[in-house]
Amino acid sequence: MAKDTSQKMKPILANRNISMTTKIRKEEEEEEEEEEEESRVNKGKRSFKRRRRSGSMRWKRRRRRRTREAGGREGGDAKKQKKQEEEKEEMRRSRKKEEEEEEEEEEEEEEEEEEEEEEEEEESL
């Protein structure tokens, strides 16, 4: 009886070992892939720095274009913020002008009404 149970247990243990080895292999493969990816990224960074140091014209032109698109040395966000502030100023100015025009129109209307009232008073006399 003892032999039968030990024989039954052996294949189960073997299956467990196989599954563990496959898991270990998968983990090792994943680690290797991650290391390869990191090395690719770092290699890209190195070439990036190398290009900047070498001073190739293509690199310089590309760099200038990017800074121009971003709005000069200040960067894109600063330029956007300036534009927004300028737009706000323009809106304020336009509102002030409109208010002044409305006030002038109201004053003119009041003057006309006063003149009409004066004319009516003169006519009644």
N, C-alpha and C. Protein backbone atom coordinates (compact mmCIF):
# COMPACT_ATOMS: atom_id res chain seq x y z
N MET A 1 0.80 -1.19 0.00
CA MET A 1 0.00 0.00 0.00
C MET A 1 0.85 1.26 0.00
N ALA A 2 1.91 1.25 0.73
CA ALA A 2 2.76 2.42 0.81
C ALA A 2 3.39 2.74 -0.53
N LYS A 3 3.72 1.72 -1.30
CA LYS A 3 4.32 1.94 -2.60
C LYS A 3 3.34 2.58 -3.56
N ASP A 4 2.07 2.21 -3.47
CA ASP A 4 1.08 2.75 -4.38
C ASP A 4 0.91 4.26 -4.21
N THR A 5 0.85 4.70 -2.96
CA THR A 5 0.68 6.13 -2.72
C THR A 5 1.90 6.93 -3.17
N SER A 6 3.08 6.38 -2.96
CA SER A 6 4.27 7.10 -3.38
C SER A 6 4.35 7.19 -4.90
N GLN A 7 3.91 6.17 -5.58
CA GLN A 7 3.92 6.20 -7.04
C GLN A 7 2.90 7.20 -7.57
N LYS A 8 1.76 7.33 -6.89
CA LYS A 8 0.75 8.30 -7.31
C LYS A 8 1.23 9.74 -7.09
N MET A 9 1.99 9.93 -6.05
CA MET A 9 2.45 11.28 -5.73
C MET A 9 3.54 11.75 -6.68
N LYS A 10 4.35 10.84 -7.20
CA LYS A 10 5.45 11.24 -8.06
C LYS A 10 5.02 12.06 -9.28
N PRO A 11 4.02 11.63 -10.06
CA PRO A 11 3.66 12.44 -11.23
C PRO A 11 3.10 13.81 -10.85
N ILE A 12 2.40 13.88 -9.75
CA ILE A 12 1.86 15.16 -9.31
C ILE A 12 3.01 16.11 -8.98
N LEU A 13 4.00 15.63 -8.25
CA LEU A 13 5.16 16.44 -7.92
C LEU A 13 5.90 16.84 -9.20
N ALA A 14 5.99 15.92 -10.14
CA ALA A 14 6.68 16.22 -11.39
C ALA A 14 5.94 17.34 -12.13
N ASN A 15 4.62 17.27 -12.14
CA ASN A 15 3.84 18.32 -12.81
C ASN A 15 4.06 19.67 -12.13
N ARG A 16 4.09 19.66 -10.82
CA ARG A 16 4.34 20.91 -10.08
C ARG A 16 5.70 21.49 -10.43
N ASN A 17 6.70 20.60 -10.48
CA ASN A 17 8.05 21.06 -10.83
C ASN A 17 8.09 21.65 -12.23
N ILE A 18 7.38 21.03 -13.15
CA ILE A 18 7.36 21.52 -14.52
C ILE A 18 6.72 22.91 -14.56
N SER A 19 5.60 23.04 -13.88
CA SER A 19 4.92 24.34 -13.88
C SER A 19 5.80 25.41 -13.22
N MET A 20 6.50 25.05 -12.17
CA MET A 20 7.38 26.01 -11.51
C MET A 20 8.52 26.40 -12.42
N THR A 21 9.09 25.45 -13.14
CA THR A 21 10.19 25.78 -14.04
C THR A 21 9.71 26.67 -15.18
N THR A 22 8.51 26.41 -15.68
CA THR A 22 7.99 27.28 -16.75
C THR A 22 7.74 28.68 -16.22
N LYS A 23 7.24 28.79 -15.00
CA LYS A 23 7.03 30.11 -14.41
C LYS A 23 8.36 30.85 -14.27
N ILE A 24 9.35 30.14 -13.80
CA ILE A 24 10.67 30.74 -13.61
C ILE A 24 11.22 31.20 -14.96
N ARG A 25 11.06 30.35 -15.99
CA ARG A 25 11.55 30.72 -17.32
C ARG A 25 10.84 31.97 -17.82
N LYS A 26 9.53 32.02 -17.66
CA LYS A 26 8.77 33.18 -18.12
C LYS A 26 9.25 34.44 -17.41
N GLU A 27 9.44 34.35 -16.11
CA GLU A 27 9.93 35.51 -15.35
C GLU A 27 11.29 35.96 -15.85
N GLU A 28 12.18 34.99 -16.10
CA GLU A 28 13.50 35.34 -16.60
C GLU A 28 13.42 36.00 -17.96
N GLU A 29 12.55 35.48 -18.84
CA GLU A 29 12.38 36.08 -20.17
C GLU A 29 11.86 37.51 -20.06
N GLU A 30 10.90 37.71 -19.16
CA GLU A 30 10.35 39.06 -18.97
C GLU A 30 11.44 40.01 -18.47
N GLU A 31 12.25 39.55 -17.54
CA GLU A 31 13.34 40.39 -17.03
C GLU A 31 14.31 40.75 -18.14
N GLU A 32 14.64 39.76 -18.98
CA GLU A 32 15.54 40.02 -20.09
C GLU A 32 14.95 41.05 -21.05
N GLU A 33 13.65 40.92 -21.35
CA GLU A 33 12.99 41.88 -22.24
C GLU A 33 13.03 43.28 -21.65
N GLU A 34 12.77 43.38 -20.35
CA GLU A 34 12.82 44.69 -19.69
C GLU A 34 14.22 45.29 -19.77
N GLU A 35 15.23 44.46 -19.54
CA GLU A 35 16.61 44.95 -19.62
C GLU A 35 16.94 45.42 -21.03
N GLU A 36 16.50 44.65 -22.05
CA GLU A 36 16.73 45.05 -23.43
C GLU A 36 16.06 46.39 -23.74
N GLU A 37 14.83 46.54 -23.24
CA GLU A 37 14.10 47.78 -23.48
C GLU A 37 14.80 48.96 -22.82
N GLU A 38 15.26 48.76 -21.58
CA GLU A 38 15.99 49.82 -20.89
C GLU A 38 17.26 50.18 -21.63
N SER A 39 17.96 49.17 -22.13
CA SER A 39 19.20 49.45 -22.86
C SER A 39 18.89 50.23 -24.14
N ARG A 40 17.76 49.89 -24.81
CA ARG A 40 17.37 50.64 -26.01
C ARG A 40 17.09 52.10 -25.66
N VAL A 41 16.36 52.32 -24.58
CA VAL A 41 16.04 53.68 -24.17
C VAL A 41 17.31 54.45 -23.84
N ASN A 42 18.19 53.84 -23.07
CA ASN A 42 19.44 54.51 -22.71
C ASN A 42 20.29 54.78 -23.93
N LYS A 43 20.30 53.85 -24.87
CA LYS A 43 21.06 54.05 -26.10
C LYS A 43 20.51 55.25 -26.85
N GLY A 44 19.18 55.39 -26.88
CA GLY A 44 18.56 56.54 -27.52
C GLY A 44 18.99 57.83 -26.85
N LYS A 45 19.04 57.82 -25.53
CA LYS A 45 19.46 59.02 -24.81
C LYS A 45 20.89 59.38 -25.14
N ARG A 46 21.75 58.36 -25.21
CA ARG A 46 23.15 58.62 -25.52
C ARG A 46 23.29 59.24 -26.90
N SER A 47 22.58 58.68 -27.88
CA SER A 47 22.70 59.22 -29.23
C SER A 47 22.14 60.64 -29.28
N PHE A 48 21.08 60.88 -28.50
CA PHE A 48 20.49 62.21 -28.41
C PHE A 48 21.54 63.21 -27.94
N LYS A 49 22.23 62.87 -26.85
CA LYS A 49 23.25 63.76 -26.32
C LYS A 49 24.40 63.92 -27.30
N ARG A 50 24.79 62.82 -27.94
CA ARG A 50 25.90 62.85 -28.88
C ARG A 50 25.58 63.79 -30.04
N ARG A 51 24.36 63.71 -30.54
CA ARG A 51 23.97 64.57 -31.65
C ARG A 51 24.04 66.04 -31.26
N ARG A 52 23.59 66.34 -30.06
CA ARG A 52 23.58 67.73 -29.62
C ARG A 52 25.01 68.25 -29.52
N ARG A 53 25.91 67.42 -29.01
CA ARG A 53 27.29 67.83 -28.86
C ARG A 53 27.97 68.01 -30.21
N SER A 54 27.63 67.13 -31.15
CA SER A 54 28.31 67.19 -32.44
C SER A 54 27.93 68.46 -33.19
N GLY A 55 26.71 68.95 -32.98
CA GLY A 55 26.32 70.21 -33.58
C GLY A 55 25.98 70.10 -35.04
N SER A 56 25.36 69.01 -35.45
CA SER A 56 24.97 68.87 -36.85
C SER A 56 23.89 69.91 -37.17
N MET A 57 23.89 70.38 -38.40
CA MET A 57 22.96 71.43 -38.78
C MET A 57 21.52 70.95 -38.68
N ARG A 58 21.27 69.71 -39.04
CA ARG A 58 19.91 69.21 -38.98
C ARG A 58 19.39 69.28 -37.55
N TRP A 59 20.23 68.90 -36.62
CA TRP A 59 19.86 68.94 -35.20
C TRP A 59 19.56 70.38 -34.79
N LYS A 60 20.45 71.30 -35.18
CA LYS A 60 20.26 72.70 -34.78
C LYS A 60 18.97 73.27 -35.38
N ARG A 61 18.72 72.96 -36.65
CA ARG A 61 17.51 73.47 -37.28
C ARG A 61 16.28 72.93 -36.58
N ARG A 62 16.30 71.64 -36.28
CA ARG A 62 15.15 71.02 -35.60
C ARG A 62 14.94 71.67 -34.24
N ARG A 63 16.03 71.89 -33.53
CA ARG A 63 15.95 72.50 -32.20
C ARG A 63 15.38 73.91 -32.28
N ARG A 64 15.86 74.69 -33.25
CA ARG A 64 15.34 76.06 -33.41
C ARG A 64 13.86 76.05 -33.71
N ARG A 65 13.44 75.13 -34.61
CA ARG A 65 12.04 75.05 -34.98
C ARG A 65 11.19 74.73 -33.77
N ARG A 66 11.66 73.81 -32.95
CA ARG A 66 10.89 73.44 -31.75
C ARG A 66 10.76 74.61 -30.79
N THR A 67 11.84 75.36 -30.60
CA THR A 67 11.76 76.48 -29.68
C THR A 67 10.84 77.55 -30.26
N ARG A 68 10.87 77.74 -31.58
CA ARG A 68 9.99 78.73 -32.20
C ARG A 68 8.54 78.33 -32.01
N GLU A 69 8.23 77.04 -32.23
CA GLU A 69 6.87 76.56 -32.06
C GLU A 69 6.43 76.70 -30.61
N ALA A 70 7.35 76.47 -29.69
CA ALA A 70 7.01 76.54 -28.27
C ALA A 70 6.92 77.99 -27.79
N GLY A 71 7.38 78.92 -28.60
CA GLY A 71 7.26 80.32 -28.22
C GLY A 71 8.54 80.89 -27.68
N GLY A 72 9.64 80.53 -28.26
CA GLY A 72 10.90 81.09 -27.83
C GLY A 72 11.45 80.38 -26.61
N ARG A 73 12.35 81.04 -25.94
CA ARG A 73 13.01 80.40 -24.81
C ARG A 73 12.11 80.25 -23.60
N GLU A 74 11.04 81.03 -23.57
CA GLU A 74 10.15 80.97 -22.42
C GLU A 74 9.38 79.66 -22.37
N GLY A 75 9.17 79.05 -23.52
CA GLY A 75 8.42 77.81 -23.56
C GLY A 75 6.98 78.06 -23.95
N GLY A 76 6.30 77.02 -24.34
CA GLY A 76 4.95 77.13 -24.86
C GLY A 76 3.95 77.64 -23.85
N ASP A 77 4.04 77.20 -22.62
CA ASP A 77 3.06 77.58 -21.61
C ASP A 77 3.11 79.08 -21.32
N ALA A 78 4.32 79.62 -21.24
CA ALA A 78 4.46 81.04 -20.93
C ALA A 78 3.86 81.88 -22.06
N LYS A 79 4.09 81.45 -23.30
CA LYS A 79 3.57 82.21 -24.43
C LYS A 79 2.04 82.14 -24.45
N LYS A 80 1.49 80.96 -24.18
CA LYS A 80 0.05 80.82 -24.14
C LYS A 80 -0.54 81.72 -23.06
N GLN A 81 0.14 81.76 -21.93
CA GLN A 81 -0.34 82.59 -20.83
C GLN A 81 -0.33 84.06 -21.24
N LYS A 82 0.73 84.50 -21.91
CA LYS A 82 0.80 85.89 -22.38
C LYS A 82 -0.35 86.20 -23.33
N LYS A 83 -0.61 85.28 -24.26
CA LYS A 83 -1.69 85.49 -25.21
C LYS A 83 -3.02 85.62 -24.49
N GLN A 84 -3.24 84.76 -23.51
CA GLN A 84 -4.49 84.82 -22.76
C GLN A 84 -4.63 86.16 -22.04
N GLU A 85 -3.54 86.63 -21.45
CA GLU A 85 -3.58 87.91 -20.75
C GLU A 85 -3.87 89.04 -21.72
N GLU A 86 -3.25 89.00 -22.91
CA GLU A 86 -3.50 90.03 -23.91
C GLU A 86 -4.96 90.01 -24.35
N GLU A 87 -5.50 88.82 -24.54
CA GLU A 87 -6.90 88.72 -24.94
C GLU A 87 -7.81 89.28 -23.85
N LYS A 88 -7.50 89.00 -22.59
CA LYS A 88 -8.29 89.55 -21.50
C LYS A 88 -8.24 91.08 -21.50
N GLU A 89 -7.04 91.62 -21.72
CA GLU A 89 -6.89 93.08 -21.78
C GLU A 89 -7.75 93.67 -22.90
N GLU A 90 -7.71 93.02 -24.07
CA GLU A 90 -8.51 93.50 -25.19
C GLU A 90 -10.00 93.47 -24.85
N MET A 91 -10.42 92.40 -24.18
CA MET A 91 -11.83 92.30 -23.80
C MET A 91 -12.21 93.42 -22.84
N ARG A 92 -11.33 93.70 -21.89
CA ARG A 92 -11.60 94.79 -20.93
C ARG A 92 -11.72 96.12 -21.65
N ARG A 93 -10.78 96.36 -22.57
CA ARG A 93 -10.80 97.62 -23.33
C ARG A 93 -12.09 97.76 -24.13
N SER A 94 -12.47 96.67 -24.80
CA SER A 94 -13.68 96.72 -25.62
C SER A 94 -14.91 96.96 -24.72
N ARG A 95 -14.95 96.34 -23.56
CA ARG A 95 -16.07 96.56 -22.64
C ARG A 95 -16.13 98.02 -22.19
N LYS A 96 -14.95 98.56 -21.85
CA LYS A 96 -14.91 99.96 -21.42
C LYS A 96 -15.41 100.87 -22.52
N LYS A 97 -14.97 100.61 -23.75
CA LYS A 97 -15.42 101.45 -24.87
C LYS A 97 -16.93 101.36 -25.04
N GLU A 98 -17.46 100.16 -24.97
CA GLU A 98 -18.90 99.98 -25.10
C GLU A 98 -19.65 100.72 -24.01
N GLU A 99 -19.16 100.62 -22.78
CA GLU A 99 -19.82 101.31 -21.67
C GLU A 99 -19.78 102.82 -21.87
N GLU A 100 -18.63 103.33 -22.32
CA GLU A 100 -18.52 104.77 -22.56
C GLU A 100 -19.49 105.21 -23.66
N GLU A 101 -19.58 104.42 -24.72
CA GLU A 101 -20.49 104.76 -25.81
C GLU A 101 -21.94 104.76 -25.32
N GLU A 102 -22.28 103.77 -24.52
CA GLU A 102 -23.64 103.70 -23.98
C GLU A 102 -23.93 104.92 -23.10
N GLU A 103 -22.97 105.31 -22.27
CA GLU A 103 -23.15 106.48 -21.41
C GLU A 103 -23.34 107.73 -22.25
N GLU A 104 -22.54 107.87 -23.31
CA GLU A 104 -22.67 109.04 -24.18
C GLU A 104 -24.05 109.07 -24.84
N GLU A 105 -24.52 107.91 -25.31
CA GLU A 105 -25.84 107.84 -25.94
C GLU A 105 -26.93 108.23 -24.94
N GLU A 106 -26.81 107.73 -23.72
CA GLU A 106 -27.79 108.06 -22.69
C GLU A 106 -27.79 109.56 -22.41
N GLU A 107 -26.60 110.15 -22.32
CA GLU A 107 -26.50 111.59 -22.07
C GLU A 107 -27.13 112.37 -23.21
N GLU A 108 -26.88 111.95 -24.44
CA GLU A 108 -27.46 112.63 -25.60
C GLU A 108 -28.98 112.53 -25.57
N GLU A 109 -29.50 111.35 -25.23
CA GLU A 109 -30.94 111.17 -25.16
C GLU A 109 -31.54 112.07 -24.08
N GLU A 110 -30.87 112.14 -22.94
CA GLU A 110 -31.36 112.99 -21.85
C GLU A 110 -31.37 114.46 -22.29
N GLU A 111 -30.31 114.87 -22.98
CA GLU A 111 -30.25 116.25 -23.46
C GLU A 111 -31.38 116.53 -24.44
N GLU A 112 -31.63 115.57 -25.35
CA GLU A 112 -32.72 115.75 -26.31
C GLU A 112 -34.06 115.86 -25.60
N GLU A 113 -34.27 115.03 -24.61
CA GLU A 113 -35.52 115.07 -23.86
C GLU A 113 -35.68 116.41 -23.15
N GLU A 114 -34.58 116.90 -22.55
CA GLU A 114 -34.63 118.20 -21.87
C GLU A 114 -34.94 119.31 -22.87
N GLU A 115 -34.33 119.24 -24.04
CA GLU A 115 -34.61 120.25 -25.07
C GLU A 115 -36.08 120.20 -25.50
N GLU A 116 -36.61 118.99 -25.68
CA GLU A 116 -38.01 118.85 -26.06
C GLU A 116 -38.93 119.42 -24.98
N GLU A 117 -38.59 119.14 -23.73
CA GLU A 117 -39.40 119.66 -22.63
C GLU A 117 -39.35 121.18 -22.62
N GLU A 118 -38.17 121.74 -22.85
CA GLU A 118 -38.03 123.20 -22.88
C GLU A 118 -38.85 123.78 -24.03
N GLU A 119 -38.83 123.15 -25.18
CA GLU A 119 -39.60 123.63 -26.33
C GLU A 119 -41.09 123.57 -26.02
N GLU A 120 -41.53 122.49 -25.38
CA GLU A 120 -42.95 122.36 -25.04
C GLU A 120 -43.36 123.45 -24.05
N GLU A 121 -42.48 123.75 -23.10
CA GLU A 121 -42.78 124.81 -22.14
C GLU A 121 -42.88 126.16 -22.84
N GLU A 122 -41.97 126.41 -23.77
CA GLU A 122 -42.00 127.68 -24.51
C GLU A 122 -43.27 127.77 -25.36
N GLU A 123 -43.68 126.67 -25.95
CA GLU A 123 -44.88 126.67 -26.78
C GLU A 123 -46.13 126.90 -25.92
N SER A 124 -46.11 126.34 -24.74
CA SER A 124 -47.28 126.51 -23.87
C SER A 124 -47.38 127.95 -23.39
N LEU A 125 -46.30 128.65 -23.34
CA LEU A 125 -46.34 130.05 -22.90
C LEU A 125 -46.70 130.91 -24.04
